[in-house]
Protein backbone atom coordinates (compact mmCIF):
# COMPACT_ATOMS: atom_id res chain seq x y z
CA UNK A 1 14.46 7.89 -17.83
CA UNK A 2 14.16 4.54 -19.34
CA UNK A 3 11.00 4.02 -21.45
CA UNK A 4 8.87 0.97 -21.80
CA UNK A 5 5.71 0.35 -23.92
CA UNK A 6 2.63 -1.48 -22.83
CA UNK A 7 -0.92 -1.96 -24.24
CA UNK A 8 -3.84 -0.46 -22.30
CA UNK A 9 -7.30 -1.17 -23.76
CA UNK A 10 -5.78 -1.81 -27.05
CA UNK A 11 -3.78 1.44 -27.14
CA UNK A 12 -0.04 1.35 -27.25
CA UNK A 13 1.23 3.45 -24.28
CA UNK A 14 4.74 4.77 -23.60
CA UNK A 15 5.57 4.93 -19.91
CA UNK A 16 8.56 5.50 -17.70
CA UNK A 17 10.33 2.51 -16.09
CA UNK A 18 9.02 2.21 -12.42
CA UNK A 19 5.70 3.83 -13.09
CA UNK A 20 2.61 1.99 -11.87
CA UNK A 21 -0.03 0.81 -14.38
CA UNK A 22 -2.32 3.54 -13.05
CA UNK A 23 0.22 6.27 -13.44
CA UNK A 24 0.98 5.00 -17.07
CA UNK A 25 -2.78 4.88 -17.97
CA UNK A 26 -3.49 8.42 -16.49
CA UNK A 27 -0.48 9.99 -18.22
CA UNK A 28 -1.95 8.56 -21.43
CA UNK A 29 -5.33 9.96 -20.83
CA UNK A 30 -7.01 6.67 -19.83
CA UNK A 31 -8.90 7.13 -16.72
CA UNK A 32 -8.92 4.36 -13.99
CA UNK A 33 -11.26 5.03 -10.99
CA UNK A 34 -9.22 5.37 -7.78
CA UNK A 35 -9.64 6.96 -4.33
CA UNK A 36 -6.96 5.86 -1.81
CA UNK A 37 -4.13 6.65 -4.29
CA UNK A 38 -2.46 9.97 -4.07
CA UNK A 39 0.57 11.39 -5.96
CA UNK A 40 2.48 12.08 -2.67
CA UNK A 41 1.71 8.77 -1.08
CA UNK A 42 3.13 5.28 -1.30
CA UNK A 43 0.34 3.18 -3.20
CA UNK A 44 -1.76 1.02 -0.85
CA UNK A 45 -4.48 -0.43 -3.17
CA UNK A 46 -6.85 -0.50 -0.25
CA UNK A 47 -9.90 1.03 -1.91
CA UNK A 48 -9.95 -1.71 -4.66
CA UNK A 49 -11.35 0.80 -7.11
CA UNK A 50 -8.39 0.78 -9.58
CA UNK A 51 -8.51 -2.95 -10.41
CA UNK A 52 -7.51 -3.88 -13.79
CA UNK A 53 -7.00 -7.17 -15.70
CA UNK A 54 -3.50 -8.09 -17.03
CA UNK A 55 -3.09 -10.69 -19.67
CA UNK A 56 -1.54 -13.81 -18.09
CA UNK A 57 -2.66 -13.04 -14.57
CA UNK A 58 -5.59 -15.24 -13.20
CA UNK A 59 -7.32 -12.37 -11.19
CA UNK A 60 -7.55 -8.66 -11.33
CA UNK A 61 -4.85 -6.55 -9.62
CA UNK A 62 -4.82 -2.94 -8.18
CA UNK A 63 -3.24 -0.78 -10.80
CA UNK A 64 -1.88 1.78 -8.36
CA UNK A 65 0.40 -0.89 -6.72
CA UNK A 66 1.32 -2.84 -9.86
CA UNK A 67 4.42 -1.76 -11.67
CA UNK A 68 4.06 -1.27 -15.47
CA UNK A 69 6.26 -3.73 -17.55
CA UNK A 70 7.37 -3.67 -21.01
CA UNK A 71 4.97 -5.70 -23.29
CA UNK A 72 2.22 -5.77 -20.62
CA UNK A 73 -1.38 -5.92 -21.92
CA UNK A 74 -3.81 -4.28 -19.61
CA UNK A 75 -7.63 -4.07 -19.74
CA UNK A 76 -9.41 -1.44 -17.63
CA UNK A 77 -13.01 -2.03 -18.52
CA UNK A 78 -14.85 -5.36 -18.38
CA UNK A 79 -18.03 -6.46 -16.73
CA UNK A 80 -16.16 -8.07 -13.99
CA UNK A 81 -14.15 -4.94 -13.24
CA UNK A 82 -17.33 -2.83 -13.32
CA UNK A 83 -18.94 -5.24 -10.74
CA UNK A 84 -15.80 -5.19 -8.46
CA UNK A 85 -15.57 -1.38 -8.50
CA UNK A 86 -19.37 -0.92 -7.80
CA UNK A 87 -19.09 -3.26 -4.83
CA UNK A 88 -16.01 -1.46 -3.55
CA UNK A 89 -17.73 1.90 -3.90
CA UNK A 90 -20.88 0.66 -2.11
CA UNK A 91 -18.76 -0.62 0.86
CA UNK A 92 -17.18 2.73 1.12
CA UNK A 93 -20.41 4.44 1.11
CA UNK A 94 -22.11 2.02 3.55
CA UNK A 95 -21.27 3.94 6.74
CA UNK A 96 -21.03 7.30 5.10
CA UNK A 97 -23.80 9.98 5.67
CA UNK A 98 -26.21 10.58 2.75
CA UNK A 99 -26.71 14.43 3.24
CA UNK A 100 -24.01 15.60 0.80
CA UNK A 101 -25.59 19.06 0.66
CA UNK A 102 -24.70 19.67 4.31
CA UNK A 103 -21.08 18.75 3.76
CA UNK A 104 -18.46 21.45 3.69
CA UNK A 105 -16.90 19.84 0.59
CA UNK A 106 -20.08 19.47 -1.39
CA UNK A 107 -19.36 19.59 -5.22
CA UNK A 108 -15.61 19.56 -4.34
CA UNK A 109 -15.63 15.94 -2.96
CA UNK A 110 -13.61 13.31 -4.57
CA UNK A 111 -15.97 10.64 -3.28
CA UNK A 112 -19.03 12.31 -4.66
CA UNK A 113 -17.44 12.66 -8.13
CA UNK A 114 -16.43 8.94 -8.02
CA UNK A 115 -19.85 7.60 -7.18
CA UNK A 116 -21.36 9.72 -9.84
CA UNK A 117 -18.88 8.34 -12.39
CA UNK A 118 -19.44 4.79 -11.19
CA UNK A 119 -23.30 5.22 -10.94
CA UNK A 120 -23.66 3.77 -7.45
CA UNK A 121 -25.78 4.70 -4.51
CA UNK A 122 -25.70 4.02 -0.81
CA UNK A 123 -28.97 2.18 -0.86
CA UNK A 124 -27.89 -1.46 -1.50
CA UNK A 125 -25.51 -1.76 1.35
CA UNK A 126 -26.03 0.26 4.61
CA UNK A 127 -24.16 0.07 7.80
CA UNK A 128 -24.78 2.27 10.89
CA UNK A 129 -23.00 5.54 10.49
CA UNK A 130 -19.66 6.55 12.13
CA UNK A 131 -21.24 8.09 15.15
CA UNK A 132 -18.06 9.69 16.64
CA UNK A 133 -18.05 13.17 17.94
CA UNK A 134 -15.94 15.58 15.82
CA UNK A 135 -12.60 16.72 17.40
CA UNK A 136 -13.06 20.54 17.82
CA UNK A 137 -10.39 20.98 20.39
CA UNK A 138 -7.94 22.73 18.18
CA UNK A 139 -8.30 26.21 16.37
CA UNK A 140 -7.16 25.03 12.88
CA UNK A 141 -8.52 21.53 12.11
CA UNK A 142 -11.95 19.86 12.42
CA UNK A 143 -11.51 16.16 12.44
CA UNK A 144 -15.12 14.66 11.73
CA UNK A 145 -14.99 10.93 11.65
CA UNK A 146 -18.66 10.96 10.79
CA UNK A 147 -17.73 11.53 7.12
CA UNK A 148 -14.64 9.23 7.16
CA UNK A 149 -14.48 6.39 4.63
CA UNK A 150 -11.25 4.92 6.13
CA UNK A 151 -9.23 5.22 2.87
CA UNK A 152 -6.14 5.73 4.98
CA UNK A 153 -4.82 8.75 3.09
CA UNK A 154 -4.58 10.94 6.16
CA UNK A 155 -2.94 8.15 8.25
CA UNK A 156 -0.30 7.68 5.52
CA UNK A 157 0.28 11.39 5.16
CA UNK A 158 0.81 11.90 8.91
CA UNK A 159 3.09 8.89 9.24
CA UNK A 160 4.89 8.68 5.85
CA UNK A 161 5.15 12.34 4.97
CA UNK A 162 5.37 13.98 8.35
CA UNK A 163 6.65 11.19 10.59
CA UNK A 164 4.35 12.36 13.28
CA UNK A 165 1.83 9.56 13.77
CA UNK A 166 -0.97 11.54 15.40
CA UNK A 167 -3.65 9.55 13.83
CA UNK A 168 -4.04 5.88 13.11
CA UNK A 169 -6.39 3.02 12.76
CA UNK A 170 -8.20 2.09 15.97
CA UNK A 171 -10.89 -0.32 16.91
CA UNK A 172 -13.76 1.67 18.50
CA UNK A 173 -17.08 -0.12 19.32
CA UNK A 174 -16.04 -3.13 17.41
CA UNK A 175 -15.27 -1.20 14.26
CA UNK A 176 -12.05 -0.12 12.77
CA UNK A 177 -11.97 3.66 12.39
CA UNK A 178 -9.40 6.41 11.92
CA UNK A 179 -8.85 8.40 14.99
CA UNK A 180 -6.27 10.46 16.96
CA UNK A 181 -4.07 8.11 18.93
CA UNK A 182 -4.44 9.81 22.22
CA UNK A 183 -7.91 11.23 22.56
CA UNK A 184 -7.68 14.23 20.38
CA UNK A 185 -5.37 15.74 17.87
CA UNK A 186 -3.69 18.21 20.21
CA UNK A 187 -2.96 15.49 22.77
CA UNK A 188 -1.65 13.23 20.01
CA UNK A 189 1.17 15.49 18.80
CA UNK A 190 -0.57 17.04 15.88
CA UNK A 191 1.56 19.83 14.42
CA UNK A 192 -1.43 21.21 12.36
CA UNK A 193 0.65 21.06 9.12
CA UNK A 194 -2.31 20.56 6.92
CA UNK A 195 -1.01 17.40 5.14
CA UNK A 196 -4.07 15.41 6.35
CA UNK A 197 -6.36 18.05 4.98
CA UNK A 198 -4.64 18.07 1.56
CA UNK A 199 -5.01 14.36 1.03
CA UNK A 200 -8.56 13.77 2.57
CA UNK A 201 -10.94 12.98 -0.34
CA UNK A 202 -14.09 13.75 1.68
CA UNK A 203 -15.19 16.41 4.25
CA UNK A 204 -13.69 14.39 7.11
CA UNK A 205 -10.73 16.59 7.84
CA UNK A 206 -11.06 20.26 6.98
CA UNK A 207 -9.53 23.61 7.89
CA UNK A 208 -11.66 25.25 10.45
CA UNK A 209 -10.95 28.97 9.87
CA UNK A 210 -9.50 29.17 6.35
CA UNK A 211 -5.75 29.46 7.38
CA UNK A 212 -4.95 26.56 5.07
CA UNK A 213 -5.34 27.63 1.45
CA UNK A 214 -6.54 24.65 -0.83
CA UNK A 215 -4.33 25.90 -3.71
CA UNK A 216 -1.20 25.53 -1.73
CA UNK A 217 0.31 21.98 -1.49
CA UNK A 218 1.10 20.95 2.14
CA UNK A 219 2.29 17.41 1.54
CA UNK A 220 5.58 18.23 -0.10
């Protein structure tokens, strides 16, 4: 693989040609907050948490969808970036339920870890919660949109990795949500492969009876 060199927060970093700025940073031990990004999915940059500043560019960019270039100078921590990330996290939290302890992914939730790292709460911005009944019509997967933050990971896994398209963005009661395309998962052609469970960062999509083991990758 061709190697390139860039500077991230003053550190000279070696990266592989074609890597994103975020991949190069993480490989070098430099953490950039992110949520919608996943190793098995095409970068979307939709959560806006991985923003960085690049010398020569007038505005911050999402590091997951920006290709690292030789000689690039990247800054991951500034007051502007902190402010942007806090706002992005607060918007994700706005329709999300506050009772973490009742969630099946409590203490194993990516969102929970991220908001603790960013030191944000759901108190400044509040929206009415995602009051959609959970889909309990199949024996393997609980699809609980009440806890969904619309990061889109599950949609991309279902469409890009599996080519099934059982779930997608839908407008329901005037709000864009993620839902089965045809009423419930079973009627939408879901194969219960578990890819959506693997990539979901919250307790929105979970294995109902423990058939899908968390240590086994389902998205490959």
